[in-house]
C-alpha cells in the first residue's frame, strides 16, 4: 500500500510539472546549478591544481546556461501570451 501512495505522489508531481512548464524548467535549473557547484567544490577540494577546476568549469558551464535559458524563454513566452491576450480579447 505504501508503494501505491508513493506512485500517486510522483504522479501528482509529474502532472503538476506538465501543467506548469516554468516550474519544470526552474527545478531543472536548480538541479543543474547544484550539480555544477557540487562538481566545482569536489574538484577544488580533491585536487590542488587549478587546471582540472578550470576545465570542469568551462566544460559544464553550457549545461547551466542552457537550463537558465529554458527558464528565461518560458518566462518570456508567458509574458508575451499574457500581453497579447490582454490587448486582443476575442
C-alpha atoms as a PDB file:
ATOM      1  CA  UNK A   1       0.000   0.000   0.000  1.00  0.00           C
ATOM      2  CA  UNK A   2       2.864   2.352   0.776  1.00  0.00           C
ATOM      3  CA  UNK A   3       4.301   1.818  -2.701  1.00  0.00           C
ATOM      4  CA  UNK A   4       0.989   2.838  -4.271  1.00  0.00           C
ATOM      5  CA  UNK A   5       0.954   6.073  -2.263  1.00  0.00           C
ATOM      6  CA  UNK A   6       4.453   6.969  -3.410  1.00  0.00           C
ATOM      7  CA  UNK A   7       3.448   6.285  -7.022  1.00  0.00           C
ATOM      8  CA  UNK A   8       0.480   8.614  -6.561  1.00  0.00           C
ATOM      9  CA  UNK A   9       2.699  11.336  -5.099  1.00  0.00           C
ATOM     10  CA  UNK A  10       5.131  11.127  -8.011  1.00  0.00           C
ATOM     11  CA  UNK A  11       2.209  11.039 -10.417  1.00  0.00           C
ATOM     12  CA  UNK A  12       0.810  14.224  -8.864  1.00  0.00           C
ATOM     13  CA  UNK A  13       4.198  15.931  -9.089  1.00  0.00           C
ATOM     14  CA  UNK A  14       4.544  14.847 -12.711  1.00  0.00           C
ATOM     15  CA  UNK A  15       1.057  16.142 -13.533  1.00  0.00           C
ATOM     16  CA  UNK A  16       1.825  19.484 -11.898  1.00  0.00           C
ATOM     17  CA  UNK A  17       5.094  19.845 -13.799  1.00  0.00           C
ATOM     18  CA  UNK A  18       3.360  19.033 -17.075  1.00  0.00           C
ATOM     19  CA  UNK A  19       0.797  21.766 -16.431  1.00  0.00           C
ATOM     20  CA  UNK A  20       3.442  24.313 -15.427  1.00  0.00           C
ATOM     21  CA  UNK A  21       6.486  24.189 -17.681  1.00  0.00           C
ATOM     22  CA  UNK A  22       8.061  27.135 -15.856  1.00  0.00           C
ATOM     23  CA  UNK A  23       8.155  25.105 -12.644  1.00  0.00           C
ATOM     24  CA  UNK A  24       9.669  22.181 -14.541  1.00  0.00           C
ATOM     25  CA  UNK A  25      12.411  24.344 -16.030  1.00  0.00           C
ATOM     26  CA  UNK A  26      13.049  26.084 -12.697  1.00  0.00           C
ATOM     27  CA  UNK A  27      13.536  22.722 -10.954  1.00  0.00           C
ATOM     28  CA  UNK A  28      15.862  21.628 -13.755  1.00  0.00           C
ATOM     29  CA  UNK A  29      17.834  24.863 -13.415  1.00  0.00           C
ATOM     30  CA  UNK A  30      18.203  24.408  -9.653  1.00  0.00           C
ATOM     31  CA  UNK A  31      19.389  20.823 -10.117  1.00  0.00           C
ATOM     32  CA  UNK A  32      21.885  21.857 -12.821  1.00  0.00           C
ATOM     33  CA  UNK A  33      23.190  24.715 -10.689  1.00  0.00           C
ATOM     34  CA  UNK A  34      23.547  22.497  -7.616  1.00  0.00           C
ATOM     35  CA  UNK A  35      25.336  19.776  -9.600  1.00  0.00           C
ATOM     36  CA  UNK A  36      27.658  22.366 -11.153  1.00  0.00           C
ATOM     37  CA  UNK A  37      28.531  23.885  -7.774  1.00  0.00           C
ATOM     38  CA  UNK A  38      28.992  20.459  -6.200  1.00  0.00           C
ATOM     39  CA  UNK A  39      31.313  19.392  -9.011  1.00  0.00           C
ATOM     40  CA  UNK A  40      33.385  22.540  -8.658  1.00  0.00           C
ATOM     41  CA  UNK A  41      33.679  22.063  -4.899  1.00  0.00           C
ATOM     42  CA  UNK A  42      34.532  18.372  -5.286  1.00  0.00           C
ATOM     43  CA  UNK A  43      37.303  19.020  -7.788  1.00  0.00           C
ATOM     44  CA  UNK A  44      38.546  22.032  -5.843  1.00  0.00           C
ATOM     45  CA  UNK A  45      38.802  20.062  -2.610  1.00  0.00           C
ATOM     46  CA  UNK A  46      40.177  16.844  -4.126  1.00  0.00           C
ATOM     47  CA  UNK A  47      42.931  18.418  -6.197  1.00  0.00           C
ATOM     48  CA  UNK A  48      45.316  21.223  -5.523  1.00  0.00           C
ATOM     49  CA  UNK A  49      45.787  22.097  -9.201  1.00  0.00           C
ATOM     50  CA  UNK A  50      43.736  24.756 -10.928  1.00  0.00           C
ATOM     51  CA  UNK A  51      43.683  23.232 -14.405  1.00  0.00           C
ATOM     52  CA  UNK A  52      41.089  20.492 -13.661  1.00  0.00           C
ATOM     53  CA  UNK A  53      38.902  23.064 -11.935  1.00  0.00           C
ATOM     54  CA  UNK A  54      39.046  25.435 -14.895  1.00  0.00           C
ATOM     55  CA  UNK A  55      38.440  22.584 -17.351  1.00  0.00           C
ATOM     56  CA  UNK A  56      35.378  21.418 -15.400  1.00  0.00           C
ATOM     57  CA  UNK A  57      34.030  24.956 -15.134  1.00  0.00           C
ATOM     58  CA  UNK A  58      34.384  25.613 -18.851  1.00  0.00           C
ATOM     59  CA  UNK A  59      33.138  22.190 -19.957  1.00  0.00           C
ATOM     60  CA  UNK A  60      29.943  22.119 -17.863  1.00  0.00           C
ATOM     61  CA  UNK A  61      29.012  25.807 -17.956  1.00  0.00           C
ATOM     62  CA  UNK A  62      26.910  25.408 -21.140  1.00  0.00           C
ATOM     63  CA  UNK A  63      24.627  22.954 -19.315  1.00  0.00           C
ATOM     64  CA  UNK A  64      23.902  25.538 -16.638  1.00  0.00           C
ATOM     65  CA  UNK A  65      23.427  28.270 -19.219  1.00  0.00           C
ATOM     66  CA  UNK A  66      21.016  26.084 -21.180  1.00  0.00           C
ATOM     67  CA  UNK A  67      18.946  25.430 -18.065  1.00  0.00           C
ATOM     68  CA  UNK A  68      18.874  29.165 -17.346  1.00  0.00           C
ATOM     69  CA  UNK A  69      17.831  29.950 -20.931  1.00  0.00           C
ATOM     70  CA  UNK A  70      14.951  27.459 -20.733  1.00  0.00           C
ATOM     71  CA  UNK A  71      13.632  29.313 -17.668  1.00  0.00           C
ATOM     72  CA  UNK A  72      14.139  32.681 -19.392  1.00  0.00           C
ATOM     73  CA  UNK A  73      12.354  31.614 -22.578  1.00  0.00           C
ATOM     74  CA  UNK A  74       9.416  30.211 -20.634  1.00  0.00           C
ATOM     75  CA  UNK A  75       9.036  33.456 -18.663  1.00  0.00           C
ATOM     76  CA  UNK A  76       9.303  35.476 -21.857  1.00  0.00           C
ATOM     77  CA  UNK A  77       6.713  33.314 -23.640  1.00  0.00           C
ATOM     78  CA  UNK A  78       4.374  33.591 -20.662  1.00  0.00           C
ATOM     79  CA  UNK A  79       4.651  37.369 -20.630  1.00  0.00           C
ATOM     80  CA  UNK A  80       4.062  37.549 -24.368  1.00  0.00           C
ATOM     81  CA  UNK A  81       0.972  35.354 -24.028  1.00  0.00           C
ATOM     82  CA  UNK A  82      -0.308  37.493 -21.183  1.00  0.00           C
ATOM     83  CA  UNK A  83       0.151  40.776 -23.031  1.00  0.00           C
ATOM     84  CA  UNK A  84      -1.208  39.552 -26.360  1.00  0.00           C
ATOM     85  CA  UNK A  85      -4.276  38.055 -24.645  1.00  0.00           C
ATOM     86  CA  UNK A  86      -4.868  41.321 -22.753  1.00  0.00           C
ATOM     87  CA  UNK A  87      -4.528  43.510 -25.843  1.00  0.00           C
ATOM     88  CA  UNK A  88      -6.574  41.336 -28.218  1.00  0.00           C
ATOM     89  CA  UNK A  89      -9.563  39.941 -26.344  1.00  0.00           C
ATOM     90  CA  UNK A  90     -11.577  37.816 -28.740  1.00  0.00           C
END
